[in-house]
Amino acid sequence: MNSSIVWMIVGMGIVTYLPRMIPLVFLEKLKLPSFIQGVLKNVPYAILGALIFPGVFFIQNDFWYGLLGAVVAFFIAYTGVNVIFVVIGAILVLTGVSIYF
C-alpha cells in the first residue's frame, strides 16, 4: 500500500476523532438544561428521518409505491414491535403489491 494512502487514512481518523473527543473531555462537567438535553436526545432520530424520508418517494417510479411502504412501516412501528419486524413487514407488503400489480 502506498504510504500517502496510509497517511490519508490516519489523517481522516484524526479529523473524525477530534470533534468527538474534544467536547467529551472539555465539556464533561458541564450540566446542560433539561430542555437542551431533551433536544439533543432527539437529534439522531431527526437526522435519520431526514435521510430516509426523501428516499421513500424515489424508491421506484411510482410515488404511491413508496408512500404505501412508509405508511405500512409507520403503522407497524406504532404497535411497538422491534425495528426488524417493521422492515420485514414493509418489505412483505411491497413485495405483495409488486407481484399483484
PDB file of N, CA and C in Angstrom:
ATOM      1  N   MET A   1       0.847  -1.175   0.000  1.00  0.00           N
ATOM      2  CA  MET A   1       0.000   0.000   0.000  1.00  0.00           C
ATOM      3  C   MET A   1       0.892   1.237   0.000  1.00  0.00           C
ATOM      4  N   ASN A   2       0.492   2.205  -0.751  1.00  0.00           N
ATOM      5  CA  ASN A   2       1.240   3.442  -0.874  1.00  0.00           C
ATOM      6  C   ASN A   2       1.221   4.196   0.463  1.00  0.00           C
ATOM      7  N   SER A   3       2.364   4.800   0.848  1.00  0.00           N
ATOM      8  CA  SER A   3       2.435   5.485   2.145  1.00  0.00           C
ATOM      9  C   SER A   3       1.529   6.714   2.186  1.00  0.00           C
ATOM     10  N   SER A   4       1.282   7.356   1.048  1.00  0.00           N
ATOM     11  CA  SER A   4       0.388   8.513   1.062  1.00  0.00           C
ATOM     12  C   SER A   4      -1.042   8.100   1.396  1.00  0.00           C
ATOM     13  N   ILE A   5      -1.433   6.895   0.992  1.00  0.00           N
ATOM     14  CA  ILE A   5      -2.769   6.399   1.328  1.00  0.00           C
ATOM     15  C   ILE A   5      -2.857   6.114   2.823  1.00  0.00           C
ATOM     16  N   VAL A   6      -1.809   5.550   3.385  1.00  0.00           N
ATOM     17  CA  VAL A   6      -1.794   5.274   4.823  1.00  0.00           C
ATOM     18  C   VAL A   6      -1.897   6.584   5.605  1.00  0.00           C
ATOM     19  N   TRP A   7      -1.125   7.600   5.222  1.00  0.00           N
ATOM     20  CA  TRP A   7      -1.172   8.890   5.903  1.00  0.00           C
ATOM     21  C   TRP A   7      -2.536   9.548   5.721  1.00  0.00           C
ATOM     22  N   MET A   8      -3.176   9.342   4.582  1.00  0.00           N
ATOM     23  CA  MET A   8      -4.506   9.888   4.357  1.00  0.00           C
ATOM     24  C   MET A   8      -5.517   9.228   5.291  1.00  0.00           C
ATOM     25  N   ILE A   9      -5.415   7.920   5.461  1.00  0.00           N
ATOM     26  CA  ILE A   9      -6.311   7.201   6.364  1.00  0.00           C
ATOM     27  C   ILE A   9      -6.089   7.649   7.801  1.00  0.00           C
ATOM     28  N   VAL A  10      -4.832   7.804   8.208  1.00  0.00           N
ATOM     29  CA  VAL A  10      -4.524   8.285   9.562  1.00  0.00           C
ATOM     30  C   VAL A  10      -5.087   9.688   9.761  1.00  0.00           C
ATOM     31  N   GLY A  11      -4.903  10.561   8.778  1.00  0.00           N
ATOM     32  CA  GLY A  11      -5.421  11.923   8.871  1.00  0.00           C
ATOM     33  C   GLY A  11      -6.933  11.961   8.972  1.00  0.00           C
ATOM     34  N   MET A  12      -7.612  11.131   8.183  1.00  0.00           N
ATOM     35  CA  MET A  12      -9.071  11.078   8.253  1.00  0.00           C
ATOM     36  C   MET A  12      -9.530  10.560   9.611  1.00  0.00           C
ATOM     37  N   GLY A  13      -8.791   9.610  10.169  1.00  0.00           N
ATOM     38  CA  GLY A  13      -9.130   9.113  11.502  1.00  0.00           C
ATOM     39  C   GLY A  13      -8.997  10.189  12.559  1.00  0.00           C
ATOM     40  N   ILE A  14      -7.929  10.978  12.472  1.00  0.00           N
ATOM     41  CA  ILE A  14      -7.724  12.064  13.437  1.00  0.00           C
ATOM     42  C   ILE A  14      -8.815  13.125  13.287  1.00  0.00           C
ATOM     43  N   VAL A  15      -9.109  13.501  12.055  1.00  0.00           N
ATOM     44  CA  VAL A  15     -10.126  14.522  11.810  1.00  0.00           C
ATOM     45  C   VAL A  15     -11.505  14.039  12.259  1.00  0.00           C
ATOM     46  N   THR A  16     -11.762  12.761  12.194  1.00  0.00           N
ATOM     47  CA  THR A  16     -13.027  12.213  12.646  1.00  0.00           C
ATOM     48  C   THR A  16     -13.068  12.096  14.168  1.00  0.00           C
ATOM     49  N   TYR A  17     -11.952  11.759  14.773  1.00  0.00           N
ATOM     50  CA  TYR A  17     -11.901  11.511  16.214  1.00  0.00           C
ATOM     51  C   TYR A  17     -11.917  12.797  17.033  1.00  0.00           C
ATOM     52  N   LEU A  18     -11.198  13.816  16.604  1.00  0.00           N
ATOM     53  CA  LEU A  18     -11.056  15.041  17.396  1.00  0.00           C
ATOM     54  C   LEU A  18     -12.386  15.748  17.681  1.00  0.00           C
ATOM     55  N   PRO A  19     -13.266  15.945  16.712  1.00  0.00           N
ATOM     56  CA  PRO A  19     -14.527  16.616  17.054  1.00  0.00           C
ATOM     57  C   PRO A  19     -15.398  15.838  18.038  1.00  0.00           C
ATOM     58  N   ARG A  20     -15.170  14.559  18.178  1.00  0.00           N
ATOM     59  CA  ARG A  20     -15.927  13.766  19.151  1.00  0.00           C
ATOM     60  C   ARG A  20     -15.248  13.757  20.508  1.00  0.00           C
ATOM     61  N   MET A  21     -13.921  13.765  20.517  1.00  0.00           N
ATOM     62  CA  MET A  21     -13.177  13.666  21.757  1.00  0.00           C
ATOM     63  C   MET A  21     -13.121  14.991  22.506  1.00  0.00           C
ATOM     64  N   ILE A  22     -12.938  16.095  21.811  1.00  0.00           N
ATOM     65  CA  ILE A  22     -12.751  17.397  22.467  1.00  0.00           C
ATOM     66  C   ILE A  22     -13.972  17.782  23.319  1.00  0.00           C
ATOM     67  N   PRO A  23     -15.195  17.731  22.810  1.00  0.00           N
ATOM     68  CA  PRO A  23     -16.322  18.068  23.691  1.00  0.00           C
ATOM     69  C   PRO A  23     -16.474  17.097  24.862  1.00  0.00           C
ATOM     70  N   LEU A  24     -16.160  15.839  24.628  1.00  0.00           N
ATOM     71  CA  LEU A  24     -16.286  14.856  25.693  1.00  0.00           C
ATOM     72  C   LEU A  24     -15.333  15.171  26.839  1.00  0.00           C
ATOM     73  N   VAL A  25     -14.125  15.595  26.518  1.00  0.00           N
ATOM     74  CA  VAL A  25     -13.122  15.874  27.541  1.00  0.00           C
ATOM     75  C   VAL A  25     -13.371  17.226  28.220  1.00  0.00           C
ATOM     76  N   PHE A  26     -13.613  18.259  27.430  1.00  0.00           N
ATOM     77  CA  PHE A  26     -13.676  19.601  27.990  1.00  0.00           C
ATOM     78  C   PHE A  26     -15.062  19.989  28.507  1.00  0.00           C
ATOM     79  N   LEU A  27     -16.093  19.354  28.047  1.00  0.00           N
ATOM     80  CA  LEU A  27     -17.442  19.687  28.499  1.00  0.00           C
ATOM     81  C   LEU A  27     -18.039  18.609  29.393  1.00  0.00           C
ATOM     82  N   GLU A  28     -17.187  17.762  29.942  1.00  0.00           N
ATOM     83  CA  GLU A  28     -17.643  16.632  30.743  1.00  0.00           C
ATOM     84  C   GLU A  28     -18.406  17.079  31.986  1.00  0.00           C
ATOM     85  N   LYS A  29     -17.965  18.132  32.632  1.00  0.00           N
ATOM     86  CA  LYS A  29     -18.577  18.569  33.886  1.00  0.00           C
ATOM     87  C   LYS A  29     -19.684  19.602  33.668  1.00  0.00           C
ATOM     88  N   LEU A  30     -19.912  20.002  32.438  1.00  0.00           N
ATOM     89  CA  LEU A  30     -20.936  20.989  32.139  1.00  0.00           C
ATOM     90  C   LEU A  30     -22.316  20.342  32.221  1.00  0.00           C
ATOM     91  N   LYS A  31     -23.198  20.949  32.986  1.00  0.00           N
ATOM     92  CA  LYS A  31     -24.563  20.439  33.128  1.00  0.00           C
ATOM     93  C   LYS A  31     -25.480  21.273  32.250  1.00  0.00           C
ATOM     94  N   LEU A  32     -26.041  20.651  31.224  1.00  0.00           N
ATOM     95  CA  LEU A  32     -26.949  21.338  30.315  1.00  0.00           C
ATOM     96  C   LEU A  32     -28.356  21.365  30.902  1.00  0.00           C
ATOM     97  N   PRO A  33     -29.127  22.397  30.561  1.00  0.00           N
ATOM     98  CA  PRO A  33     -30.536  22.410  30.998  1.00  0.00           C
ATOM     99  C   PRO A  33     -31.291  21.215  30.435  1.00  0.00           C
ATOM    100  N   SER A  34     -32.334  20.821  31.136  1.00  0.00           N
ATOM    101  CA  SER A  34     -33.071  19.615  30.723  1.00  0.00           C
ATOM    102  C   SER A  34     -33.700  19.784  29.341  1.00  0.00           C
ATOM    103  N   PHE A  35     -34.108  21.010  28.981  1.00  0.00           N
ATOM    104  CA  PHE A  35     -34.677  21.234  27.657  1.00  0.00           C
ATOM    105  C   PHE A  35     -33.648  20.938  26.571  1.00  0.00           C
ATOM    106  N   ILE A  36     -32.418  21.423  26.740  1.00  0.00           N
ATOM    107  CA  ILE A  36     -31.354  21.184  25.762  1.00  0.00           C
ATOM    108  C   ILE A  36     -31.019  19.697  25.698  1.00  0.00           C
ATOM    109  N   GLN A  37     -30.995  19.032  26.838  1.00  0.00           N
ATOM    110  CA  GLN A  37     -30.729  17.594  26.846  1.00  0.00           C
ATOM    111  C   GLN A  37     -31.810  16.838  26.082  1.00  0.00           C
ATOM    112  N   GLY A  38     -33.073  17.249  26.257  1.00  0.00           N
ATOM    113  CA  GLY A  38     -34.166  16.612  25.528  1.00  0.00           C
ATOM    114  C   GLY A  38     -34.047  16.814  24.030  1.00  0.00           C
ATOM    115  N   VAL A  39     -33.647  18.029  23.624  1.00  0.00           N
ATOM    116  CA  VAL A  39     -33.463  18.304  22.202  1.00  0.00           C
ATOM    117  C   VAL A  39     -32.328  17.465  21.639  1.00  0.00           C
ATOM    118  N   LEU A  40     -31.220  17.411  22.348  1.00  0.00           N
ATOM    119  CA  LEU A  40     -30.058  16.660  21.858  1.00  0.00           C
ATOM    120  C   LEU A  40     -30.323  15.156  21.796  1.00  0.00           C
ATOM    121  N   LYS A  41     -31.184  14.655  22.664  1.00  0.00           N
ATOM    122  CA  LYS A  41     -31.514  13.226  22.608  1.00  0.00           C
ATOM    123  C   LYS A  41     -32.327  12.885  21.361  1.00  0.00           C
ATOM    124  N   ASN A  42     -33.042  13.860  20.800  1.00  0.00           N
ATOM    125  CA  ASN A  42     -33.865  13.615  19.620  1.00  0.00           C
ATOM    126  C   ASN A  42     -33.154  13.900  18.307  1.00  0.00           C
ATOM    127  N   VAL A  43     -31.969  14.446  18.349  1.00  0.00           N
ATOM    128  CA  VAL A  43     -31.231  14.783  17.129  1.00  0.00           C
ATOM    129  C   VAL A  43     -30.969  13.553  16.257  1.00  0.00           C
ATOM    130  N   PRO A  44     -30.520  12.420  16.800  1.00  0.00           N
ATOM    131  CA  PRO A  44     -30.281  11.260  15.915  1.00  0.00           C
ATOM    132  C   PRO A  44     -31.537  10.809  15.171  1.00  0.00           C
ATOM    133  N   TYR A  45     -32.692  10.868  15.824  1.00  0.00           N
ATOM    134  CA  TYR A  45     -33.929  10.459  15.164  1.00  0.00           C
ATOM    135  C   TYR A  45     -34.305  11.442  14.062  1.00  0.00           C
ATOM    136  N   ALA A  46     -34.097  12.713  14.319  1.00  0.00           N
ATOM    137  CA  ALA A  46     -34.414  13.729  13.312  1.00  0.00           C
ATOM    138  C   ALA A  46     -33.511  13.586  12.093  1.00  0.00           C
ATOM    139  N   ILE A  47     -32.241  13.324  12.328  1.00  0.00           N
ATOM    140  CA  ILE A  47     -31.308  13.159  11.212  1.00  0.00           C
ATOM    141  C   ILE A  47     -31.644  11.899  10.424  1.00  0.00           C
ATOM    142  N   LEU A  48     -31.954  10.829  11.120  1.00  0.00           N
ATOM    143  CA  LEU A  48     -32.328   9.593  10.433  1.00  0.00           C
ATOM    144  C   LEU A  48     -33.578   9.794   9.587  1.00  0.00           C
ATOM    145  N   GLY A  49     -34.554  10.495  10.136  1.00  0.00           N
ATOM    146  CA  GLY A  49     -35.763  10.792   9.366  1.00  0.00           C
ATOM    147  C   GLY A  49     -35.474  11.646   8.148  1.00  0.00           C
ATOM    148  N   ALA A  50     -34.593  12.630   8.311  1.00  0.00           N
ATOM    149  CA  ALA A  50     -34.251  13.499   7.186  1.00  0.00           C
ATOM    150  C   ALA A  50     -33.502  12.737   6.097  1.00  0.00           C
ATOM    151  N   LEU A  51     -32.767  11.724   6.471  1.00  0.00           N
ATOM    152  CA  LEU A  51     -32.041  10.929   5.478  1.00  0.00           C
ATOM    153  C   LEU A  51     -32.947   9.927   4.775  1.00  0.00           C
ATOM    154  N   ILE A  52     -33.866   9.340   5.505  1.00  0.00           N
ATOM    155  CA  ILE A  52     -34.706   8.277   4.951  1.00  0.00           C
ATOM    156  C   ILE A  52     -35.908   8.820   4.203  1.00  0.00           C
ATOM    157  N   PHE A  53     -36.555   9.850   4.731  1.00  0.00           N
ATOM    158  CA  PHE A  53     -37.834  10.319   4.190  1.00  0.00           C
ATOM    159  C   PHE A  53     -37.789  10.671   2.700  1.00  0.00           C
ATOM    160  N   PRO A  54     -36.795  11.420   2.210  1.00  0.00           N
ATOM    161  CA  PRO A  54     -36.791  11.710   0.765  1.00  0.00           C
ATOM    162  C   PRO A  54     -36.633  10.462  -0.097  1.00  0.00           C
ATOM    163  N   GLY A  55     -35.892   9.478   0.394  1.00  0.00           N
ATOM    164  CA  GLY A  55     -35.692   8.255  -0.366  1.00  0.00           C
ATOM    165  C   GLY A  55     -36.946   7.426  -0.518  1.00  0.00           C
ATOM    166  N   VAL A  56     -37.894   7.621   0.393  1.00  0.00           N
ATOM    167  CA  VAL A  56     -39.154   6.874   0.323  1.00  0.00           C
ATOM    168  C   VAL A  56     -39.871   7.173  -0.985  1.00  0.00           C
ATOM    169  N   PHE A  57     -39.813   8.412  -1.433  1.00  0.00           N
ATOM    170  CA  PHE A  57     -40.566   8.803  -2.614  1.00  0.00           C
ATOM    171  C   PHE A  57     -39.830   8.521  -3.915  1.00  0.00           C
ATOM    172  N   PHE A  58     -38.586   8.104  -3.827  1.00  0.00           N
ATOM    173  CA  PHE A  58     -37.817   7.795  -5.035  1.00  0.00           C
ATOM    174  C   PHE A  58     -37.469   6.308  -5.118  1.00  0.00           C
ATOM    175  N   ILE A  59     -38.190   5.475  -4.373  1.00  0.00           N
ATOM    176  CA  ILE A  59     -37.878   4.047  -4.335  1.00  0.00           C
ATOM    177  C   ILE A  59     -38.141   3.400  -5.690  1.00  0.00           C
ATOM    178  N   GLN A  60     -39.176   3.841  -6.373  1.00  0.00           N
ATOM    179  CA  GLN A  60     -39.476   3.399  -7.730  1.00  0.00           C
ATOM    180  C   GLN A  60     -40.052   4.591  -8.478  1.00  0.00           C
ATOM    181  N   ASN A  61     -40.431   4.376  -9.694  1.00  0.00           N
ATOM    182  CA  ASN A  61     -41.001   5.467 -10.477  1.00  0.00           C
ATOM    183  C   ASN A  61     -42.372   5.898  -9.974  1.00  0.00           C
ATOM    184  N   ASP A  62     -43.049   5.027  -9.244  1.00  0.00           N
ATOM    185  CA  ASP A  62     -44.384   5.322  -8.750  1.00  0.00           C
ATOM    186  C   ASP A  62     -44.306   5.912  -7.341  1.00  0.00           C
ATOM    187  N   PHE A  63     -44.817   7.109  -7.171  1.00  0.00           N
ATOM    188  CA  PHE A  63     -44.830   7.804  -5.884  1.00  0.00           C
ATOM    189  C   PHE A  63     -45.616   7.025  -4.844  1.00  0.00           C
ATOM    190  N   TRP A  64     -46.724   6.418  -5.256  1.00  0.00           N
ATOM    191  CA  TRP A  64     -47.622   5.737  -4.315  1.00  0.00           C
ATOM    192  C   TRP A  64     -47.002   4.469  -3.749  1.00  0.00           C
ATOM    193  N   TYR A  65     -46.108   3.874  -4.482  1.00  0.00           N
ATOM    194  CA  TYR A  65     -45.424   2.664  -4.013  1.00  0.00           C
ATOM    195  C   TYR A  65     -44.608   2.978  -2.760  1.00  0.00           C
ATOM    196  N   GLY A  66     -43.812   4.037  -2.828  1.00  0.00           N
ATOM    197  CA  GLY A  66     -43.012   4.432  -1.669  1.00  0.00           C
ATOM    198  C   GLY A  66     -43.870   4.908  -0.515  1.00  0.00           C
ATOM    199  N   LEU A  67     -44.932   5.628  -0.828  1.00  0.00           N
ATOM    200  CA  LEU A  67     -45.821   6.116   0.221  1.00  0.00           C
ATOM    201  C   LEU A  67     -46.510   4.954   0.931  1.00  0.00           C
ATOM    202  N   LEU A  68     -46.918   3.938   0.183  1.00  0.00           N
ATOM    203  CA  LEU A  68     -47.526   2.761   0.792  1.00  0.00           C
ATOM    204  C   LEU A  68     -46.552   2.085   1.750  1.00  0.00           C
ATOM    205  N   GLY A  69     -45.304   1.926   1.327  1.00  0.00           N
ATOM    206  CA  GLY A  69     -44.300   1.326   2.205  1.00  0.00           C
ATOM    207  C   GLY A  69     -44.075   2.134   3.465  1.00  0.00           C
ATOM    208  N   ALA A  70     -44.058   3.446   3.348  1.00  0.00           N
ATOM    209  CA  ALA A  70     -43.863   4.309   4.510  1.00  0.00           C
ATOM    210  C   ALA A  70     -45.043   4.214   5.477  1.00  0.00           C
ATOM    211  N   VAL A  71     -46.256   4.195   4.926  1.00  0.00           N
ATOM    212  CA  VAL A  71     -47.446   4.115   5.777  1.00  0.00           C
ATOM    213  C   VAL A  71     -47.494   2.774   6.500  1.00  0.00           C
ATOM    214  N   VAL A  72     -47.207   1.699   5.788  1.00  0.00           N
ATOM    215  CA  VAL A  72     -47.199   0.370   6.406  1.00  0.00           C
ATOM    216  C   VAL A  72     -46.135   0.304   7.499  1.00  0.00           C
ATOM    217  N   ALA A  73     -44.946   0.808   7.205  1.00  0.00           N
ATOM    218  CA  ALA A  73     -43.873   0.794   8.201  1.00  0.00           C
ATOM    219  C   ALA A  73     -44.248   1.638   9.415  1.00  0.00           C
ATOM    220  N   PHE A  74     -44.900   2.776   9.178  1.00  0.00           N
ATOM    221  CA  PHE A  74     -45.310   3.625  10.295  1.00  0.00           C
ATOM    222  C   PHE A  74     -46.293   2.899  11.202  1.00  0.00           C
ATOM    223  N   PHE A  75     -47.304   2.266  10.617  1.00  0.00           N
ATOM    224  CA  PHE A  75     -48.303   1.600  11.442  1.00  0.00           C
ATOM    225  C   PHE A  75     -47.739   0.384  12.169  1.00  0.00           C
ATOM    226  N   ILE A  76     -46.836  -0.334  11.533  1.00  0.00           N
ATOM    227  CA  ILE A  76     -46.213  -1.469  12.223  1.00  0.00           C
ATOM    228  C   ILE A  76     -45.335  -0.958  13.362  1.00  0.00           C
ATOM    229  N   ALA A  77     -44.590   0.105  13.120  1.00  0.00           N
ATOM    230  CA  ALA A  77     -43.725   0.674  14.165  1.00  0.00           C
ATOM    231  C   ALA A  77     -44.553   1.244  15.310  1.00  0.00           C
ATOM    232  N   TYR A  78     -45.727   1.761  14.994  1.00  0.00           N
ATOM    233  CA  TYR A  78     -46.593   2.341  16.011  1.00  0.00           C
ATOM    234  C   TYR A  78     -47.052   1.300  17.025  1.00  0.00           C
ATOM    235  N   THR A  79     -47.110   0.041  16.611  1.00  0.00           N
ATOM    236  CA  THR A  79     -47.504  -1.018  17.539  1.00  0.00           C
ATOM    237  C   THR A  79     -46.418  -1.331  18.547  1.00  0.00           C
ATOM    238  N   GLY A  80     -45.198  -0.863  18.298  1.00  0.00           N
ATOM    239  CA  GLY A  80     -44.122  -1.032  19.268  1.00  0.00           C
ATOM    240  C   GLY A  80     -43.264  -2.262  19.069  1.00  0.00           C
ATOM    241  N   VAL A  81     -43.356  -2.893  17.916  1.00  0.00           N
ATOM    242  CA  VAL A  81     -42.550  -4.088  17.687  1.00  0.00           C
ATOM    243  C   VAL A  81     -41.102  -3.701  17.373  1.00  0.00           C
ATOM    244  N   ASN A  82     -40.253  -4.670  17.349  1.00  0.00           N
ATOM    245  CA  ASN A  82     -38.846  -4.473  17.038  1.00  0.00           C
ATOM    246  C   ASN A  82     -38.693  -3.942  15.611  1.00  0.00           C
ATOM    247  N   VAL A  83     -37.639  -3.159  15.397  1.00  0.00           N
ATOM    248  CA  VAL A  83     -37.439  -2.497  14.105  1.00  0.00           C
ATOM    249  C   VAL A  83     -37.270  -3.503  12.961  1.00  0.00           C
ATOM    250  N   ILE A  84     -36.727  -4.673  13.233  1.00  0.00           N
ATOM    251  CA  ILE A  84     -36.548  -5.653  12.163  1.00  0.00           C
ATOM    252  C   ILE A  84     -37.909  -6.130  11.646  1.00  0.00           C
ATOM    253  N   PHE A  85     -38.901  -6.207  12.523  1.00  0.00           N
ATOM    254  CA  PHE A  85     -40.240  -6.610  12.088  1.00  0.00           C
ATOM    255  C   PHE A  85     -40.916  -5.496  11.281  1.00  0.00           C
ATOM    256  N   VAL A  86     -40.573  -4.258  11.588  1.00  0.00           N
ATOM    257  CA  VAL A  86     -41.086  -3.136  10.800  1.00  0.00           C
ATOM    258  C   VAL A  86     -40.552  -3.224   9.375  1.00  0.00           C
ATOM    259  N   VAL A  87     -39.265  -3.466   9.259  1.00  0.00           N
ATOM    260  CA  VAL A  87     -38.636  -3.559   7.939  1.00  0.00           C
ATOM    261  C   VAL A  87     -39.177  -4.758   7.171  1.00  0.00           C
ATOM    262  N   ILE A  88     -39.248  -5.895   7.824  1.00  0.00           N
ATOM    263  CA  ILE A  88     -39.735  -7.107   7.161  1.00  0.00           C
ATOM    264  C   ILE A  88     -41.197  -6.944   6.755  1.00  0.00           C
ATOM    265  N   GLY A  89     -42.010  -6.346   7.610  1.00  0.00           N
ATOM    266  CA  GLY A  89     -43.415  -6.133   7.271  1.00  0.00           C
ATOM    267  C   GLY A  89     -43.587  -5.235   6.064  1.00  0.00           C
ATOM    268  N   ALA A  90     -42.833  -4.145   6.015  1.00  0.00           N
ATOM    269  CA  ALA A  90     -42.922  -3.241   4.863  1.00  0.00           C
ATOM    270  C   ALA A  90     -42.442  -3.930   3.592  1.00  0.00           C
ATOM    271  N   ILE A  91     -41.380  -4.711   3.706  1.00  0.00           N
ATOM    272  CA  ILE A  91     -40.872  -5.436   2.535  1.00  0.00           C
ATOM    273  C   ILE A  91     -41.901  -6.441   2.040  1.00  0.00           C
ATOM    274  N   LEU A  92     -42.520  -7.167   2.958  1.00  0.00           N
ATOM    275  CA  LEU A  92     -43.519  -8.167   2.545  1.00  0.00           C
ATOM    276  C   LEU A  92     -44.725  -7.516   1.864  1.00  0.00           C
ATOM    277  N   VAL A  93     -45.193  -6.406   2.406  1.00  0.00           N
ATOM    278  CA  VAL A  93     -46.335  -5.731   1.790  1.00  0.00           C
ATOM    279  C   VAL A  93     -45.962  -5.222   0.407  1.00  0.00           C
ATOM    280  N   LEU A  94     -44.808  -4.602   0.284  1.00  0.00           N
ATOM    281  CA  LEU A  94     -44.404  -4.072  -1.026  1.00  0.00           C
ATOM    282  C   LEU A  94     -44.099  -5.178  -2.023  1.00  0.00           C
ATOM    283  N   THR A  95     -43.607  -6.303  -1.536  1.00  0.00           N
ATOM    284  CA  THR A  95     -43.395  -7.446  -2.430  1.00  0.00           C
ATOM    285  C   THR A  95     -44.738  -7.966  -2.928  1.00  0.00           C
ATOM    286  N   GLY A  96     -45.701  -8.063  -2.031  1.00  0.00           N
ATOM    287  CA  GLY A  96     -47.035  -8.498  -2.445  1.00  0.00           C
ATOM    288  C   GLY A  96     -47.655  -7.554  -3.443  1.00  0.00           C
ATOM    289  N   VAL A  97     -47.487  -6.264  -3.247  1.00  0.00           N
ATOM    290  CA  VAL A  97     -48.022  -5.281  -4.203  1.00  0.00           C
ATOM    291  C   VAL A  97     -47.320  -5.418  -5.545  1.00  0.00           C
ATOM    292  N   SER A  98     -46.006  -5.631  -5.523  1.00  0.00           N
ATOM    293  CA  SER A  98     -45.247  -5.779  -6.780  1.00  0.00           C
ATOM    294  C   SER A  98     -45.695  -7.013  -7.560  1.00  0.00           C
ATOM    295  N   ILE A  99     -45.942  -8.084  -6.846  1.00  0.00           N
ATOM    296  CA  ILE A  99     -46.364  -9.329  -7.511  1.00  0.00           C
ATOM    297  C   ILE A  99     -47.800  -9.200  -8.034  1.00  0.00           C
ATOM    298  N   TYR A 100     -48.658  -8.579  -7.233  1.00  0.00           N
ATOM    299  CA  TYR A 100     -50.063  -8.468  -7.609  1.00  0.00           C
ATOM    300  C   TYR A 100     -50.271  -7.517  -8.773  1.00  0.00           C
ATOM    301  N   PHE A 101     -49.565  -6.403  -8.767  1.00  0.00           N
ATOM    302  CA  PHE A 101     -49.763  -5.400  -9.834  1.00  0.00           C
ATOM    303  C   PHE A 101     -48.672  -5.540 -10.809  1.00  0.00           C
TER     304      PHE A 101
END
